[in-house]
Protein backbone atom coordinates (compact mmCIF):
# COMPACT_ATOMS: atom_id res chain seq x y z
CA VAL A 1 -28.91 21.49 -10.33
CA LYS A 2 -28.78 18.24 -12.90
CA VAL A 3 -26.86 18.71 -15.80
CA ASN A 4 -28.11 17.06 -18.80
CA ASP A 5 -26.77 13.62 -19.17
CA SER A 6 -25.17 14.33 -22.90
CA ARG A 7 -23.13 17.26 -21.38
CA ALA A 8 -22.00 15.60 -18.36
CA SER A 9 -20.68 12.92 -20.27
CA ILE A 10 -18.70 15.92 -22.06
CA LEU A 11 -17.82 17.40 -19.02
CA ASP A 12 -16.34 13.95 -17.93
CA ARG A 13 -14.61 13.69 -20.74
CA LEU A 14 -12.86 16.88 -20.66
CA LEU A 15 -11.62 16.58 -17.01
CA ILE A 16 -10.49 13.18 -17.38
CA VAL A 17 -8.35 14.25 -20.20
CA SER A 18 -7.56 17.59 -18.64
CA PHE A 19 -6.75 16.28 -14.68
CA PRO A 20 -5.71 12.65 -15.18
CA GLN A 21 -3.77 12.42 -11.91
CA HIS A 22 -6.98 12.33 -10.22
CA ILE A 23 -8.21 9.02 -11.84
CA LEU A 24 -4.73 7.77 -10.34
CA PHE A 25 -5.93 8.88 -6.95
CA CYS A 26 -8.73 6.70 -7.22
CA ASP A 27 -6.89 3.67 -8.26
CA GLN A 28 -5.41 3.39 -5.07
CA ASP A 29 -8.65 2.14 -3.35
CA ASP A 30 -8.13 -0.38 -6.60
CA GLN A 31 -11.19 1.10 -8.34
CA ILE A 32 -12.80 4.20 -10.25
CA THR A 33 -16.41 4.38 -9.20
CA GLY A 34 -17.92 4.96 -12.47
CA GLN A 35 -18.16 7.16 -15.75
CA ASN A 36 -21.01 9.18 -13.88
CA ASN A 37 -19.21 9.92 -10.70
CA LEU A 38 -15.91 10.60 -12.44
CA SER A 39 -16.11 14.24 -12.52
CA GLN A 40 -17.36 14.79 -8.91
CA ILE A 41 -14.33 12.71 -8.12
CA ILE A 42 -12.14 15.10 -9.92
CA LEU A 43 -13.70 18.27 -8.79
CA SER A 44 -13.77 16.96 -5.33
CA GLN A 45 -10.20 16.56 -5.34
CA PHE A 46 -9.49 20.73 -5.96
CA GLN A 47 -11.29 21.43 -2.22
CA ILE A 48 -7.90 20.05 -0.66
CA THR A 49 -6.56 23.45 1.02
CA LYS A 50 -2.54 22.26 0.63
CA LYS A 51 -0.56 24.08 -1.89
CA PHE A 52 0.43 22.50 -4.92
CA PRO A 53 4.11 21.88 -5.18
CA SER A 54 6.53 23.25 -8.21
CA TYR A 55 7.82 21.36 -10.94
CA LYS A 56 8.37 21.20 -14.61
CA ILE A 57 5.59 20.55 -16.83
CA SER A 58 6.58 18.29 -19.66
CA PHE A 59 4.50 15.95 -21.35
CA ALA A 60 5.54 14.76 -25.02
CA LYS A 61 2.67 12.15 -25.67
CA GLU A 62 -1.04 12.07 -24.86
CA ILE A 63 -2.20 9.91 -22.41
CA PHE A 64 -5.14 9.37 -24.60
CA SER A 65 -3.82 8.38 -28.03
CA SER A 66 -7.28 8.50 -29.71
CA SER A 67 -10.98 9.07 -28.85
CA TYR A 68 -11.14 5.53 -29.92
CA HIS A 69 -8.44 4.76 -26.55
CA LEU A 70 -10.59 7.33 -24.59
CA GLU A 71 -14.09 5.50 -25.27
CA THR A 72 -12.88 2.05 -24.55
CA PHE A 73 -11.49 3.22 -21.08
CA LEU A 74 -14.47 5.04 -20.37
CA SER A 75 -16.53 1.69 -21.37
CA ALA A 76 -14.67 -0.36 -18.97
CA CYS A 77 -15.08 2.12 -16.14
CA GLU A 78 -18.79 1.87 -16.61
CA LEU A 79 -18.37 -1.51 -16.50
CA GLU A 80 -16.59 -1.43 -13.15
CA SER A 81 -18.90 1.33 -11.88
CA GLN A 82 -21.59 -1.51 -12.34
CA CYS A 83 -19.79 -3.80 -10.16
CA HIS A 84 -19.07 -1.52 -7.53
CA THR A 85 -22.72 -0.86 -7.26
CA HIS A 86 -23.47 -4.24 -6.81
CA ASN A 87 -20.56 -4.94 -4.67
CA GLU A 88 -21.84 -2.63 -2.02
CA LYS A 89 -25.55 -4.05 -2.10
CA HIS A 90 -23.91 -7.76 -1.93
CA ASN A 91 -25.59 -8.45 -5.41
CA TRP A 92 -23.06 -11.10 -6.42
CA THR A 93 -25.51 -12.91 -8.21
CA GLU A 94 -25.27 -9.69 -10.64
CA ILE A 95 -21.84 -9.41 -10.73
CA VAL A 96 -21.38 -12.94 -11.80
CA GLU A 97 -23.90 -12.28 -14.54
CA ILE A 98 -21.47 -9.77 -15.98
CA TYR A 99 -18.73 -12.01 -15.73
CA SER A 100 -20.55 -14.46 -17.90
CA LYS A 101 -21.76 -11.78 -20.47
CA ASN A 102 -17.88 -10.51 -20.53
CA GLN A 103 -15.72 -13.67 -20.57
CA ASP A 104 -15.11 -13.38 -24.47
CA ARG A 105 -14.09 -9.58 -23.86
CA PHE A 106 -11.98 -10.65 -20.67
CA GLN A 107 -10.39 -13.29 -22.98
CA ASN A 108 -9.71 -11.10 -25.84
CA ILE A 109 -7.88 -8.34 -23.66
CA VAL A 110 -5.69 -10.88 -21.82
CA ASN A 111 -4.91 -12.42 -25.33
CA LEU A 112 -3.75 -8.89 -26.73
CA CYS A 113 -1.67 -8.03 -23.75
CA LYS A 114 0.00 -11.36 -24.33
CA GLU A 115 0.46 -10.69 -28.02
CA THR A 116 1.36 -6.82 -28.01
CA ASP A 117 2.75 -4.53 -25.25
CA LYS A 118 0.75 -1.94 -27.51
CA PRO A 119 2.04 1.64 -27.47
CA TYR A 120 2.26 1.80 -23.75
CA GLN A 121 5.49 0.56 -21.95
CA SER A 122 5.32 2.45 -18.83
CA VAL A 123 2.86 0.86 -16.35
CA TYR A 124 1.66 3.92 -15.04
CA LEU A 125 0.36 4.65 -18.54
CA LYS A 126 -1.04 1.32 -18.64
CA ARG A 127 -3.63 2.31 -15.93
CA PHE A 128 -5.05 4.61 -18.21
CA THR A 129 -6.29 1.53 -20.59
CA GLU A 130 -9.27 -0.35 -21.03
CA GLU A 131 -7.09 -3.58 -20.19
CA TRP A 132 -6.12 -2.09 -16.94
CA VAL A 133 -9.41 -1.17 -15.72
CA ILE A 134 -11.03 -4.56 -17.22
CA ALA A 135 -8.49 -6.42 -14.73
CA ARG A 136 -9.89 -4.54 -11.94
CA VAL A 137 -13.25 -5.54 -12.93
CA MET A 138 -12.18 -9.37 -13.41
CA ARG A 139 -11.26 -9.14 -9.67
CA HIS A 140 -14.65 -8.00 -8.90
CA CYS A 141 -16.02 -11.30 -10.38
CA LEU A 142 -13.57 -13.53 -8.68
CA THR A 143 -14.86 -11.94 -5.44
CA ALA A 144 -18.41 -12.83 -6.35
CA LEU A 145 -17.73 -16.17 -7.67
CA GLN A 146 -16.30 -17.23 -4.68
CA LYS A 147 -19.15 -15.46 -2.56
CA VAL A 148 -21.88 -17.83 -4.65
CA ARG A 149 -19.47 -20.80 -4.63
CA ASP A 150 -18.70 -21.12 -7.88
CA TYR A 151 -15.17 -22.39 -7.42
CA GLU A 152 -14.62 -24.48 -10.62
CA ARG A 153 -14.95 -20.88 -12.63
CA ALA A 154 -13.25 -18.87 -9.81
CA ALA A 155 -10.20 -20.97 -10.61
CA GLU A 156 -10.78 -20.58 -14.27
CA LEU A 157 -10.94 -16.48 -13.74
CA LEU A 158 -7.51 -16.76 -11.60
CA ARG A 159 -5.57 -18.44 -14.32
CA LEU A 160 -6.88 -16.12 -16.74
CA LEU A 161 -5.51 -13.57 -14.49
CA LEU A 162 -2.27 -15.10 -13.71
CA GLN A 163 -1.76 -14.55 -18.04
CA TYR A 164 -2.19 -11.10 -17.34
CA THR A 165 1.42 -9.53 -17.53
CA PRO A 166 0.82 -6.11 -16.68
CA MET A 167 -0.61 -6.18 -13.23
CA CYS A 168 2.29 -8.24 -11.71
CA SER A 169 2.28 -6.85 -8.36
CA ARG A 170 -1.23 -8.84 -7.52
CA ARG A 171 0.75 -12.18 -8.93
CA GLY A 172 1.32 -13.56 -5.60
CA SER A 173 -2.10 -12.96 -4.07
CA TRP A 174 -3.66 -14.76 -7.11
CA TRP A 175 -1.00 -17.77 -6.73
CA GLU A 176 -2.28 -18.02 -3.03
CA ASN A 177 -6.09 -17.77 -4.09
CA LEU A 178 -5.58 -20.38 -6.54
CA ALA A 179 -3.51 -22.73 -4.46
CA LEU A 180 -6.30 -22.48 -1.72
CA ILE A 181 -9.44 -23.07 -4.01
CA LEU A 182 -7.58 -26.07 -5.65
CA ASP A 183 -7.02 -27.55 -2.27
CA TYR A 184 -9.44 -26.82 0.22
CA HIS A 185 -12.67 -26.44 -2.35
CA LEU A 186 -12.14 -28.37 -5.07
CA LYS A 187 -10.07 -31.11 -3.23
CA LYS A 188 -7.58 -31.02 -6.22
CA ARG A 189 -4.70 -31.27 -4.03
CA GLY A 190 -1.94 -32.38 -7.26
CA GLU A 191 -2.87 -29.18 -8.99
CA ALA A 192 -2.91 -27.10 -6.09
CA GLU A 193 0.67 -28.47 -4.90
CA GLN A 194 1.74 -27.88 -8.61
CA VAL A 195 0.45 -24.29 -8.73
CA LEU A 196 2.43 -23.91 -5.49
CA ARG A 197 5.58 -25.12 -7.03
CA ASP A 198 5.14 -22.80 -10.25
CA SER A 199 4.31 -19.86 -8.01
CA LEU A 200 7.71 -19.89 -6.40
CA ALA A 201 9.52 -19.79 -9.32
CA ASP A 202 7.57 -16.90 -10.43
CA PRO A 203 9.94 -13.63 -10.06
CA SER A 204 7.22 -11.49 -9.51
CA VAL A 205 5.83 -12.99 -6.46
CA LYS A 206 6.70 -10.54 -3.23
CA LEU A 207 8.23 -11.69 -0.19
CA GLU A 208 4.81 -11.44 1.90
CA ASN A 209 3.26 -13.78 -0.59
CA ARG A 210 6.32 -15.83 -0.93
CA ILE A 211 6.28 -16.69 3.11
CA GLY A 212 2.58 -17.69 2.67
CA LEU A 213 3.05 -20.02 0.07
CA GLU A 214 6.20 -21.47 1.04
CA ILE A 215 4.11 -22.31 4.58
CA ARG A 216 1.31 -23.84 2.31
CA LEU A 217 3.83 -25.96 -0.03
CA GLY A 218 5.34 -27.38 3.34
CA LYS A 219 2.24 -28.84 4.19
CA PHE A 220 2.00 -30.65 0.96
CA ASP A 221 5.87 -31.63 0.92
CA LYS A 222 7.64 -32.50 4.38
CA GLU A 223 11.15 -32.31 3.02
CA PHE A 224 10.34 -28.77 1.44
CA LYS A 225 12.68 -26.10 2.92
CA PRO A 226 11.47 -22.76 3.06
CA THR A 227 13.68 -19.85 2.15
CA PHE A 228 12.17 -17.67 4.55
CA THR A 229 13.15 -18.67 8.18
CA PHE A 230 13.58 -15.29 10.42
CA GLU A 231 12.66 -15.16 13.67
CA HIS A 232 11.69 -11.92 15.33
CA LYS A 233 12.66 -10.68 19.00
CA THR A 234 9.27 -10.93 21.43
CA VAL A 235 8.81 -8.66 24.21
CA THR A 236 5.83 -9.33 26.69
CA ILE A 237 4.13 -6.87 28.70
CA GLU A 238 1.02 -6.92 31.00
CA VAL A 239 -1.17 -3.91 31.21
CA GLU A 240 -4.50 -3.52 32.85
CA ALA A 241 -7.57 -4.30 30.49
CA LEU A 242 -10.82 -2.65 31.35
CA GLU A 243 -13.10 -5.20 32.57
CA GLY A 244 -15.52 -6.13 30.09
CA SER A 245 -13.99 -4.71 27.36
CA GLY A 246 -13.49 -6.56 24.16
CA THR A 247 -16.25 -9.19 25.01
CA ALA A 248 -18.92 -8.23 22.53
CA ALA A 249 -18.36 -9.03 18.97
CA ASN A 250 -16.09 -7.13 16.80
CA SER A 251 -15.10 -4.80 19.66
CA LYS A 252 -11.39 -4.00 21.14
CA LYS A 253 -9.96 -4.40 24.80
CA ILE A 254 -9.62 -0.77 26.09
CA TRP A 255 -6.04 -0.73 28.35
CA LYS A 256 -5.46 1.30 31.10
CA GLY A 257 -2.32 3.38 31.10
CA GLU A 258 -0.60 6.56 32.91
CA GLU A 259 0.04 9.70 31.29
CA ASN A 260 1.72 12.67 33.27
CA GLY A 261 0.36 11.02 36.23
CA ALA A 262 -3.08 10.64 35.31
CA MET A 263 -4.97 7.48 33.93
CA VAL A 264 -5.87 7.21 30.53
CA LEU A 265 -7.78 4.69 28.67
CA SER A 266 -6.33 3.45 25.20
CA GLY A 267 -5.92 1.39 22.55
CA VAL A 268 -3.43 -1.62 22.47
CA GLU A 269 -0.72 0.27 20.50
CA ASP A 270 -0.93 3.32 22.58
CA ALA A 271 -0.96 0.93 26.12
CA ALA A 272 2.55 -0.44 24.30
CA LEU A 273 3.89 3.07 23.45
CA ASN A 274 3.04 4.06 27.10
CA HIS A 275 4.83 1.02 28.45
CA TYR A 276 8.34 1.99 26.21
CA ILE A 277 7.99 5.29 27.22
CA ASN A 278 7.25 5.31 31.16
CA ASN A 279 9.03 1.82 31.77
CA LEU A 280 12.07 0.94 28.84
CA GLY A 281 13.62 4.44 28.72
CA TYR A 282 12.51 5.75 25.41
CA SER A 283 11.85 9.52 25.45
CA GLU A 284 9.32 10.12 22.52
CA GLY A 285 7.58 8.06 19.80
CA PHE A 286 4.36 7.40 18.42
CA HIS A 287 1.81 5.22 16.85
CA CYS A 288 2.21 5.97 13.05
CA GLU A 289 3.00 2.46 11.23
CA GLY A 290 4.47 3.58 7.61
CA SER A 291 3.56 7.12 8.01
CA ILE A 292 6.92 7.61 9.40
CA VAL A 293 8.72 6.22 6.45
CA SER A 294 6.63 7.97 3.93
CA THR A 295 7.34 11.33 5.68
CA LEU A 296 10.73 11.17 6.08
CA PHE A 297 11.00 9.75 2.19
CA GLY A 298 9.26 12.80 1.36
CA ILE A 299 11.43 15.27 3.50
CA ILE A 300 14.56 13.20 2.40
CA CYS A 301 13.82 12.96 -1.34
CA TRP A 302 11.79 15.93 -2.16
CA ASP A 303 14.17 17.10 -4.82
CA VAL A 304 14.29 13.58 -6.37
CA ILE A 305 10.32 13.43 -6.14
CA PHE A 306 9.88 16.66 -8.07
CA SER A 307 12.66 16.46 -10.27
CA ASP A 308 12.56 16.91 -14.03
CA LEU A 309 11.42 13.84 -16.00
CA ASP A 310 9.03 13.76 -19.16
CA ASN A 311 5.68 12.33 -19.19
CA VAL A 312 4.98 12.57 -15.42
CA PHE A 313 4.12 16.04 -14.54
CA TYR A 314 0.97 16.72 -16.69
CA ASN A 315 -0.34 20.07 -15.12
CA GLN A 316 0.15 22.28 -12.15
CA TYR A 317 -2.37 20.31 -9.84
CA GLN A 318 -0.29 17.34 -9.05
CA TYR A 319 0.92 16.50 -5.50
CA CYS A 320 3.05 13.74 -6.95
CA PRO A 321 4.34 12.52 -10.47
CA LEU A 322 2.01 10.03 -12.36
CA ASP A 323 4.11 7.26 -11.70
CA PHE A 324 4.44 7.84 -8.05
CA TRP A 325 2.42 4.76 -7.12
CA THR A 326 3.99 2.08 -9.57
CA GLU A 327 7.34 0.37 -9.98
CA ASP A 328 7.94 2.94 -12.74
CA PHE A 329 8.67 5.59 -10.03
CA TYR A 330 11.87 4.12 -8.90
CA ASN A 331 12.86 2.52 -11.96
CA ASN A 332 12.85 5.81 -13.88
CA ARG A 333 14.81 7.85 -11.25
CA ALA A 334 17.18 4.92 -10.21
CA ASP A 335 20.39 6.53 -11.16
CA GLN A 336 19.16 9.73 -9.27
CA PHE A 337 17.98 7.94 -5.70
CA ALA A 338 21.44 6.02 -6.41
CA ALA A 339 23.14 9.42 -6.45
CA HIS A 340 21.15 11.18 -3.82
CA PHE A 341 21.25 8.37 -1.13
CA ALA A 342 25.22 8.04 -1.49
CA ILE A 343 25.15 11.58 -0.32
CA VAL A 344 22.93 11.05 2.12
CA ARG A 345 24.59 8.14 3.53
CA ASP A 346 27.72 9.90 4.12
CA LEU A 347 26.17 12.94 6.03
CA SER A 348 26.87 13.47 9.80
CA LYS A 349 23.74 13.62 12.15
CA LYS A 350 24.57 17.23 12.11
CA ASN A 351 24.39 17.20 8.50
CA LEU A 352 21.26 15.17 7.93
CA GLY A 353 19.62 17.67 10.65
CA GLU A 354 20.14 20.53 8.29
CA MET A 355 19.25 18.82 5.10
CA ILE A 356 16.01 18.21 7.08
CA ALA A 357 15.95 21.75 8.05
CA HIS A 358 15.98 22.90 4.54
CA THR A 359 13.22 21.02 3.00
CA TRP A 360 11.16 21.98 6.19
CA GLU A 361 11.67 25.48 5.73
CA SER A 362 11.29 25.52 1.98
CA TYR A 363 8.19 23.29 1.80
CA TYR A 364 6.55 23.07 4.91
CA GLY A 365 2.84 22.52 4.15
CA ILE A 366 3.01 21.95 0.54
CA GLY A 367 1.42 19.01 -0.30
CA CYS A 368 2.89 15.66 -1.29
CA ASP A 369 1.17 12.48 -1.40
CA SER A 370 4.06 10.75 0.70
CA LEU A 371 4.25 13.46 3.44
CA ASN A 372 2.35 14.02 6.34
CA TRP A 373 3.32 17.29 7.73
CA ASP A 374 1.49 16.92 11.02
CA LEU A 375 3.28 13.69 12.07
CA PHE A 376 6.00 15.38 13.96
CA THR A 377 5.15 18.13 16.35
CA ASP A 378 7.98 20.44 14.96
CA LEU A 379 11.00 20.40 13.23
CA GLU A 380 13.20 19.46 15.98
CA GLN A 381 11.29 16.11 16.86
CA CYS A 382 11.72 15.39 12.95
CA GLN A 383 15.69 15.77 13.40
CA ARG A 384 15.87 13.91 16.63
CA CYS A 385 14.28 11.02 15.08
CA ALA A 386 16.39 10.73 12.08
CA SER A 387 19.31 11.48 14.12
CA CYS A 388 18.75 8.29 16.06
CA ILE A 389 17.96 5.84 13.16
CA THR A 390 21.28 7.56 11.91
CA PRO A 391 22.44 8.39 8.17
CA PRO A 392 23.10 4.88 6.75
CA LYS A 393 20.58 3.21 8.35
CA LEU A 394 18.03 5.92 7.03
CA VAL A 395 19.21 5.54 3.63
CA ASP A 396 18.65 1.56 3.97
CA LEU A 397 15.09 2.16 5.38
CA LEU A 398 14.41 4.41 2.76
CA GLU A 399 15.69 2.23 0.00
CA LEU A 400 13.57 -0.55 1.00
CA TYR A 401 10.60 1.75 0.70
CA VAL A 402 11.46 3.30 -2.63
CA VAL A 403 11.51 0.51 -4.59
CA ASP A 404 7.68 -0.69 -4.24
CA VAL A 405 6.12 2.49 -2.43
CA ARG A 406 2.51 1.33 -3.00
CA GLY A 407 3.12 -2.62 -1.77
CA ARG A 408 5.34 -1.37 1.03
CA ARG A 409 3.34 1.40 2.50
CA SER A 410 1.56 -1.75 4.67
CA GLY A 411 3.03 -4.05 7.07
CA ILE A 412 5.61 -1.33 8.82
CA PRO A 413 5.47 -2.17 12.34
CA ASP A 414 2.88 -0.02 14.64
CA LEU A 415 5.23 1.76 16.95
CA SER A 416 8.54 4.22 16.21
CA ILE A 417 10.17 5.37 19.39
CA TRP A 418 13.47 6.86 20.23
CA ASN A 419 15.61 8.35 22.73
CA LYS A 420 17.55 11.47 21.76
CA GLU A 421 20.09 11.04 24.89
CA THR A 422 21.17 7.40 24.34
CA GLY A 423 20.48 7.56 20.37
CA ASP A 424 18.19 4.19 20.76
CA PHE A 425 15.55 3.67 18.08
CA VAL A 426 13.22 0.60 17.54
CA MET A 427 10.31 -0.11 15.68
CA VAL A 428 7.59 -2.29 17.36
CA GLU A 429 4.77 -4.07 15.91
CA VAL A 430 2.11 -4.45 18.52
CA LYS A 431 -0.13 -7.88 19.18
CA GLY A 432 -3.00 -7.90 21.54
CA PRO A 433 -4.58 -11.21 22.71
CA GLY A 434 -5.32 -13.66 19.96
CA ASP A 435 -3.52 -11.56 17.34
CA SER A 436 -0.91 -13.06 15.04
CA LEU A 437 1.61 -11.38 12.88
CA SER A 438 0.57 -10.97 9.01
CA ASN A 439 2.93 -12.08 6.17
CA LYS A 440 3.55 -8.38 5.18
CA GLN A 441 4.51 -7.68 8.74
CA LYS A 442 6.84 -10.82 8.93
CA ALA A 443 8.39 -9.67 5.78
CA TRP A 444 8.91 -5.77 6.71
CA LEU A 445 10.37 -7.26 10.10
CA SER A 446 12.81 -9.44 8.35
CA ARG A 447 13.91 -6.49 6.16
CA LEU A 448 14.80 -4.07 9.42
CA ASP A 449 16.54 -6.88 10.84
CA ASP A 450 18.73 -6.98 7.29
CA ILE A 451 19.55 -3.46 7.45
CA GLY A 452 19.98 -3.45 11.18
CA ILE A 453 17.22 -1.37 12.68
CA ARG A 454 16.02 -2.71 15.65
CA ALA A 455 12.54 -4.34 15.44
CA GLU A 456 10.11 -6.42 17.75
CA VAL A 457 7.24 -7.89 18.65
CA CYS A 458 5.40 -6.49 21.75
CA LEU A 459 2.84 -8.90 22.88
CA VAL A 460 0.48 -7.35 25.57
CA LYS A 461 -1.36 -9.37 27.99
CA SER A 462 -3.85 -8.01 30.31
CA ILE A 463 -4.25 -8.64 33.83
CA SER A 464 -7.21 -8.09 36.07
CA SER A 465 -8.98 -4.84 36.22
CA LYS A 466 -12.13 -3.83 38.09
CA LYS A 467 -14.33 -2.12 35.96
CA ILE A 468 -14.49 1.34 35.85
CA ARG A 469 -17.77 2.94 37.50
């Protein structure tokens, strides 16, 4: 069945106004795929079978203040849809053409953002504005300009983006990109060095970006002393690799391991996990990266996540408050988190287990964007894990996470492993031959070291193995 375009357009508008949270769901991948697909995207979210949590709906102001506000937002979404379509087909010249036609529009929007905050003081509400979507369009254009090697205009666009204040979480990567273009492609080393110095004075630059910027500046100024000097613990293990694996383009090595007395083949992370459990005295754990932190956060902080707060719960079909994936989430609840974490920090391991059991038994299976109920095999395993971390260190870990839920969900070590009998807990970043740490991973290893949670890098080296026939 095909709906008339004009009626489909009305349906789009009704769904967007009624269910704005699903626009933010799309925004987690930094794009809305276009006005013509918005209704399909929104409706598809209701096919999820999880129950919705309970909370108080309280929205004192409309997300779209006027029809003009809605129409300019949709116009920007349509422009982004065009960029997305061209991007999928690698039609870079078409995206560059969009940039050329809209340069004045981009400049006017940036000027408007510099002159006024408009009526929206909150970052999460800015996501429903033309200027927020246009900033994503400009990032599409930036990619296209670099693909066609128009580095002069790419640098020009990066300088424009750096004037756009609302999307401050991106500033570190924009500074890094600009410095790289000026230095490597345009051979303007003096300008590149100044950009690096300016970037390190920008308070919005995150630690993972600062690490890269400091490394790059050190290549210009040999006397520059970086502020980040963390050295991580490294464990090297040798594991048999399946002969011939990892030799083809884009293929990975296949590693041999043992499970319940039988040989198994696995990826590098599971090979390391098996080694820690079989040889280093740990009893259980899994390869889950950031999922363990986000899940423990959802279980420990459920009541704060879904607490009564104006303008974050718009209807009864939300798996998280509207501000969840922005810095507003923590800022709007800083006092609540401080009070809650103070209570958790002073809990005994037994009482921490009881708190986890209360949430588990009250809400198990109910949807929450932060929480994967299937991560732990059962309640007892979740309690054992949290007990080994200990209440004070668990609070420290969750405090690191909550201040930037979106930005810090990546870079967390691959493995979380523990032993209930000894109380040992370790987080392990696994690297196979030729792999190296990203700056996000370095930042997380440093943070974990600062709060006293054991974290290390496991280097997996291959030893000879006969090809399995």
